[in-house]
Amino acid sequence: MSGFDDDDEDSQRALGQAEQIRAHRDQAITQIRLGAISLAELFDLSAIDSRLQTIKAVVLLEALPGVGKVAARKALANAGLSENIRFGEIYGDAKGKLLQTLAR
């Protein structure tokens, strides 16, 4: 067996893992849109699920029922956070401000 075959197998394995991660993220976003997961629950879940930590926060906030693009960005700005921040990078006071701002 040549080295190219091993590279192909590694590539296929990596592509499969990436697809699983994307599917998990999509499922989480759908659950948020449906209102099955609150923002507080999402913070709890992301503490134990690293796949959620890598999603941009603005995408997750926009998925919350009743929160659109403008409200999501305003909430991030009010918490002193960039629009490019990943969900897993939010903690402390900023987390509390987001929860307070977007509490339903």
Protein backbone atom coordinates (compact mmCIF):
# COMPACT_ATOMS: atom_id res chain seq x y z
CA MET A 1 0.00 0.00 0.00
CA SER A 2 1.34 3.41 -0.93
CA GLY A 3 1.37 6.56 1.12
CA PHE A 4 -1.31 8.05 -1.11
CA ASP A 5 -3.84 5.44 0.00
CA ASP A 6 -3.23 6.32 3.65
CA ASP A 7 -3.66 10.01 2.85
CA ASP A 8 -6.95 9.28 1.08
CA GLU A 9 -8.22 7.28 4.06
CA ASP A 10 -7.20 10.05 6.47
CA SER A 11 -8.89 12.64 4.27
CA GLN A 12 -12.08 10.62 4.07
CA ARG A 13 -12.10 10.11 7.84
CA ALA A 14 -11.57 13.83 8.42
CA LEU A 15 -14.33 14.72 5.96
CA GLY A 16 -16.68 12.32 7.73
CA GLN A 17 -15.91 13.83 11.12
CA ALA A 18 -16.39 17.36 9.77
CA GLU A 19 -19.77 16.38 8.32
CA GLN A 20 -20.85 14.96 11.68
CA ILE A 21 -19.85 18.19 13.43
CA ARG A 22 -21.74 20.31 10.89
CA ALA A 23 -24.83 18.11 11.25
CA HIS A 24 -24.67 18.43 15.06
CA ARG A 25 -24.36 22.22 14.82
CA ASP A 26 -27.28 22.40 12.39
CA GLN A 27 -29.38 20.27 14.71
CA ALA A 28 -28.58 22.55 17.66
CA ILE A 29 -29.49 25.66 15.66
CA THR A 30 -32.77 24.05 14.63
CA GLN A 31 -33.56 23.23 18.27
CA ILE A 32 -32.87 26.84 19.20
CA ARG A 33 -35.13 28.14 16.41
CA LEU A 34 -37.91 25.87 17.62
CA GLY A 35 -37.55 27.22 21.15
CA ALA A 36 -36.57 23.81 22.51
CA ILE A 37 -33.33 25.22 23.95
CA SER A 38 -33.09 28.54 25.80
CA LEU A 39 -30.02 30.74 25.86
CA ALA A 40 -29.25 29.68 29.45
CA GLU A 41 -29.54 26.01 28.48
CA LEU A 42 -27.31 26.66 25.49
CA PHE A 43 -24.59 28.06 27.74
CA ASP A 44 -24.89 24.96 29.95
CA LEU A 45 -24.72 22.63 26.95
CA SER A 46 -21.75 24.41 25.42
CA ALA A 47 -19.79 23.88 28.63
CA ILE A 48 -19.81 20.14 27.93
CA ASP A 49 -20.12 20.08 24.12
CA SER A 50 -17.14 21.58 22.34
CA ARG A 51 -18.95 21.42 19.00
CA LEU A 52 -21.27 24.20 20.18
CA GLN A 53 -18.41 26.33 21.45
CA THR A 54 -17.06 26.91 17.94
CA ILE A 55 -20.26 28.35 16.45
CA LYS A 56 -20.30 32.11 16.04
CA ALA A 57 -22.40 33.60 18.81
CA VAL A 58 -24.30 35.87 16.44
CA VAL A 59 -25.59 32.81 14.53
CA LEU A 60 -26.90 31.22 17.73
CA LEU A 61 -28.42 34.46 19.01
CA GLU A 62 -30.15 35.11 15.69
CA ALA A 63 -31.69 31.63 15.92
CA LEU A 64 -33.42 32.44 19.21
CA PRO A 65 -37.16 32.96 18.68
CA GLY A 66 -37.97 36.67 18.48
CA VAL A 67 -34.33 37.70 18.11
CA GLY A 68 -33.30 38.88 14.67
CA LYS A 69 -30.08 40.10 13.17
CA VAL A 70 -30.32 43.59 14.63
CA ALA A 71 -31.25 42.49 18.16
CA ALA A 72 -28.52 39.84 18.19
CA ARG A 73 -25.86 42.34 17.19
CA LYS A 74 -27.12 44.95 19.66
CA ALA A 75 -27.04 42.38 22.46
CA LEU A 76 -23.45 41.48 21.61
CA ALA A 77 -22.46 45.15 21.47
CA ASN A 78 -24.18 45.87 24.80
CA ALA A 79 -22.19 43.03 26.34
CA GLY A 80 -18.98 44.47 24.89
CA LEU A 81 -18.50 41.57 22.49
CA SER A 82 -17.48 41.43 18.85
CA GLU A 83 -19.83 40.03 16.21
CA ASN A 84 -17.11 37.52 15.36
CA ILE A 85 -16.86 35.95 18.81
CA ARG A 86 -17.40 32.21 19.13
CA PHE A 87 -20.01 31.03 21.61
CA GLY A 88 -17.45 29.21 23.74
CA GLU A 89 -15.49 32.43 24.23
CA ILE A 90 -18.33 34.14 26.12
CA TYR A 91 -18.08 34.02 29.90
CA GLY A 92 -18.36 36.10 33.05
CA ASP A 93 -20.05 39.48 32.92
CA ALA A 94 -20.59 39.30 29.16
CA LYS A 95 -22.51 36.05 29.56
CA GLY A 96 -24.67 37.61 32.28
CA LYS A 97 -25.35 40.70 30.15
CA LEU A 98 -26.43 38.57 27.21
CA LEU A 99 -28.72 36.48 29.39
CA GLN A 100 -30.24 39.62 30.91
CA THR A 101 -30.63 41.40 27.57
CA LEU A 102 -32.19 38.45 25.76
CA ALA A 103 -34.21 36.97 28.65
CA ARG A 104 -37.67 35.99 27.57
